[in-house]
Amino acid sequence: MKISNSELGQYIRNLRIQKNLTLHQLSKEVDIDSPMLSKIERGERLPTPEQIKKIAKHFKVPENNLRSKLTAEKILREYGANEVTLDAISIVKEEIVKYVKSKK
């Protein structure tokens, strides 16, 4: 199964539309050229950590929310949406829960 939509890109597009900003306006405000921002919104490119930071700051959304969506997107692009990936994510989740509990 191919992932056709970028959840992160669509999320950024929705934030921009909610603020009634054109792509060009937002690109100037976050210092990302408009063709690159357009590719990010369409899911053709992933934003860099620095671009994530600028977008989060501009829209006053938690940077970790955008970083989480970016990580999820990277996993799906690299490994696909399939049973093996789902099983692997379950294993990773269990390990992270153990790690977090051990740090308390």
C-alpha atoms as a PDB file:
ATOM      1  CA  MET A   1       0.000   0.000   0.000  1.00  0.00           C
ATOM      2  CA  LYS A   2       1.418   3.373  -0.996  1.00  0.00           C
ATOM      3  CA  ILE A   3       0.889   6.349   1.282  1.00  0.00           C
ATOM      4  CA  SER A   4      -0.439   9.064  -0.979  1.00  0.00           C
ATOM      5  CA  ASN A   5      -1.141  11.904   1.407  1.00  0.00           C
ATOM      6  CA  SER A   6       1.310  13.613   3.663  1.00  0.00           C
ATOM      7  CA  GLU A   7      -0.312  14.058   7.042  1.00  0.00           C
ATOM      8  CA  LEU A   8       2.331  16.598   7.994  1.00  0.00           C
ATOM      9  CA  GLY A   9       2.012  18.504   4.718  1.00  0.00           C
ATOM     10  CA  GLN A  10      -1.767  18.555   4.948  1.00  0.00           C
ATOM     11  CA  TYR A  11      -1.556  19.700   8.563  1.00  0.00           C
ATOM     12  CA  ILE A  12       0.706  22.611   7.588  1.00  0.00           C
ATOM     13  CA  ARG A  13      -1.595  23.493   4.682  1.00  0.00           C
ATOM     14  CA  ASN A  14      -4.610  23.465   7.017  1.00  0.00           C
ATOM     15  CA  LEU A  15      -2.829  25.767   9.484  1.00  0.00           C
ATOM     16  CA  ARG A  16      -2.012  28.153   6.639  1.00  0.00           C
ATOM     17  CA  ILE A  17      -5.576  28.142   5.309  1.00  0.00           C
ATOM     18  CA  GLN A  18      -7.035  28.677   8.801  1.00  0.00           C
ATOM     19  CA  LYS A  19      -4.922  31.829   9.068  1.00  0.00           C
ATOM     20  CA  ASN A  20      -6.014  32.938   5.575  1.00  0.00           C
ATOM     21  CA  LEU A  21      -2.432  33.040   4.361  1.00  0.00           C
ATOM     22  CA  THR A  22      -1.312  32.427   0.819  1.00  0.00           C
ATOM     23  CA  LEU A  23       1.564  30.080   0.234  1.00  0.00           C
ATOM     24  CA  HIS A  24       3.697  33.079  -0.738  1.00  0.00           C
ATOM     25  CA  GLN A  25       2.791  34.992   2.455  1.00  0.00           C
ATOM     26  CA  LEU A  26       3.647  32.074   4.691  1.00  0.00           C
ATOM     27  CA  SER A  27       6.865  31.366   2.843  1.00  0.00           C
ATOM     28  CA  LYS A  28       8.030  34.932   3.475  1.00  0.00           C
ATOM     29  CA  GLU A  29       6.999  34.822   7.133  1.00  0.00           C
ATOM     30  CA  VAL A  30       8.846  31.560   7.871  1.00  0.00           C
ATOM     31  CA  ASP A  31      11.736  32.185   5.479  1.00  0.00           C
ATOM     32  CA  ILE A  32      11.167  29.087   3.337  1.00  0.00           C
ATOM     33  CA  ASP A  33      10.969  29.629  -0.416  1.00  0.00           C
ATOM     34  CA  SER A  34       7.474  29.096  -1.791  1.00  0.00           C
ATOM     35  CA  PRO A  35       8.309  26.230  -4.175  1.00  0.00           C
ATOM     36  CA  MET A  36       9.853  24.317  -1.243  1.00  0.00           C
ATOM     37  CA  LEU A  37       6.894  25.078   1.020  1.00  0.00           C
ATOM     38  CA  SER A  38       4.529  23.938  -1.722  1.00  0.00           C
ATOM     39  CA  LYS A  39       6.426  20.641  -2.012  1.00  0.00           C
ATOM     40  CA  ILE A  40       6.232  20.204   1.763  1.00  0.00           C
ATOM     41  CA  GLU A  41       2.471  20.773   1.727  1.00  0.00           C
ATOM     42  CA  ARG A  42       2.023  18.300  -1.135  1.00  0.00           C
ATOM     43  CA  GLY A  43       4.164  15.711   0.636  1.00  0.00           C
ATOM     44  CA  GLU A  44       6.858  15.725  -2.034  1.00  0.00           C
ATOM     45  CA  ARG A  45       9.522  16.905   0.426  1.00  0.00           C
ATOM     46  CA  LEU A  46       9.894  16.658   4.165  1.00  0.00           C
ATOM     47  CA  PRO A  47      10.765  19.769   6.139  1.00  0.00           C
ATOM     48  CA  THR A  48      14.103  20.054   7.892  1.00  0.00           C
ATOM     49  CA  PRO A  49      14.218  20.356  11.689  1.00  0.00           C
ATOM     50  CA  GLU A  50      14.926  24.079  11.272  1.00  0.00           C
ATOM     51  CA  GLN A  51      11.897  24.499   8.998  1.00  0.00           C
ATOM     52  CA  ILE A  52       9.757  22.576  11.507  1.00  0.00           C
ATOM     53  CA  LYS A  53      10.915  24.962  14.223  1.00  0.00           C
ATOM     54  CA  LYS A  54      10.019  28.046  12.137  1.00  0.00           C
ATOM     55  CA  ILE A  55       6.591  26.707  11.182  1.00  0.00           C
ATOM     56  CA  ALA A  56       5.762  25.683  14.756  1.00  0.00           C
ATOM     57  CA  LYS A  57       6.831  29.055  16.103  1.00  0.00           C
ATOM     58  CA  HIS A  58       4.868  30.940  13.453  1.00  0.00           C
ATOM     59  CA  PHE A  59       1.626  29.053  14.105  1.00  0.00           C
ATOM     60  CA  LYS A  60       2.228  28.799  17.870  1.00  0.00           C
ATOM     61  CA  VAL A  61       1.837  25.033  17.840  1.00  0.00           C
ATOM     62  CA  PRO A  62       4.021  22.667  19.866  1.00  0.00           C
ATOM     63  CA  GLU A  63       7.154  21.839  17.909  1.00  0.00           C
ATOM     64  CA  ASN A  64       6.981  18.276  19.232  1.00  0.00           C
ATOM     65  CA  ASN A  65       3.623  17.783  17.473  1.00  0.00           C
ATOM     66  CA  LEU A  66       5.218  18.616  14.136  1.00  0.00           C
ATOM     67  CA  ARG A  67       8.309  16.551  14.925  1.00  0.00           C
ATOM     68  CA  SER A  68       6.101  13.552  15.788  1.00  0.00           C
ATOM     69  CA  LYS A  69       4.263  13.857  12.483  1.00  0.00           C
ATOM     70  CA  LEU A  70       7.615  14.149  10.699  1.00  0.00           C
ATOM     71  CA  THR A  71       8.936  11.012  12.397  1.00  0.00           C
ATOM     72  CA  ALA A  72       5.762   9.082  11.517  1.00  0.00           C
ATOM     73  CA  GLU A  73       6.029  10.222   7.918  1.00  0.00           C
ATOM     74  CA  LYS A  74       9.665   9.127   7.714  1.00  0.00           C
ATOM     75  CA  ILE A  75       8.770   5.685   9.050  1.00  0.00           C
ATOM     76  CA  LEU A  76       5.952   5.267   6.533  1.00  0.00           C
ATOM     77  CA  ARG A  77       8.118   6.424   3.642  1.00  0.00           C
ATOM     78  CA  GLU A  78      10.990   4.179   4.603  1.00  0.00           C
ATOM     79  CA  TYR A  79       9.089   1.030   5.594  1.00  0.00           C
ATOM     80  CA  GLY A  80       5.583   1.428   4.144  1.00  0.00           C
ATOM     81  CA  ALA A  81       2.188   0.845   5.664  1.00  0.00           C
ATOM     82  CA  ASN A  82       2.113  -2.874   6.225  1.00  0.00           C
ATOM     83  CA  GLU A  83       1.824  -5.527   8.905  1.00  0.00           C
ATOM     84  CA  VAL A  84       5.577  -5.726   9.509  1.00  0.00           C
ATOM     85  CA  THR A  85       5.834  -1.979  10.096  1.00  0.00           C
ATOM     86  CA  LEU A  86       2.864  -2.126  12.455  1.00  0.00           C
ATOM     87  CA  ASP A  87       4.464  -4.959  14.418  1.00  0.00           C
ATOM     88  CA  ALA A  88       7.778  -3.084  14.551  1.00  0.00           C
ATOM     89  CA  ILE A  89       6.075   0.046  15.834  1.00  0.00           C
ATOM     90  CA  SER A  90       4.407  -2.015  18.566  1.00  0.00           C
ATOM     91  CA  ILE A  91       7.796  -3.339  19.636  1.00  0.00           C
ATOM     92  CA  VAL A  92       9.299   0.156  19.636  1.00  0.00           C
ATOM     93  CA  LYS A  93       6.365   1.453  21.674  1.00  0.00           C
ATOM     94  CA  GLU A  94       6.875  -1.256  24.299  1.00  0.00           C
ATOM     95  CA  GLU A  95      10.575  -0.445  24.540  1.00  0.00           C
ATOM     96  CA  ILE A  96       9.930   3.279  24.859  1.00  0.00           C
ATOM     97  CA  VAL A  97       7.331   2.689  27.588  1.00  0.00           C
ATOM     98  CA  LYS A  98       9.888   0.590  29.503  1.00  0.00           C
ATOM     99  CA  TYR A  99      12.512   3.321  29.056  1.00  0.00           C
ATOM    100  CA  VAL A 100      10.206   6.106  30.225  1.00  0.00           C
ATOM    101  CA  LYS A 101       9.097   4.075  33.274  1.00  0.00           C
ATOM    102  CA  SER A 102      12.700   3.371  34.207  1.00  0.00           C
ATOM    103  CA  LYS A 103      13.490   7.118  34.206  1.00  0.00           C
ATOM    104  CA  LYS A 104      10.740   7.948  36.746  1.00  0.00           C
END
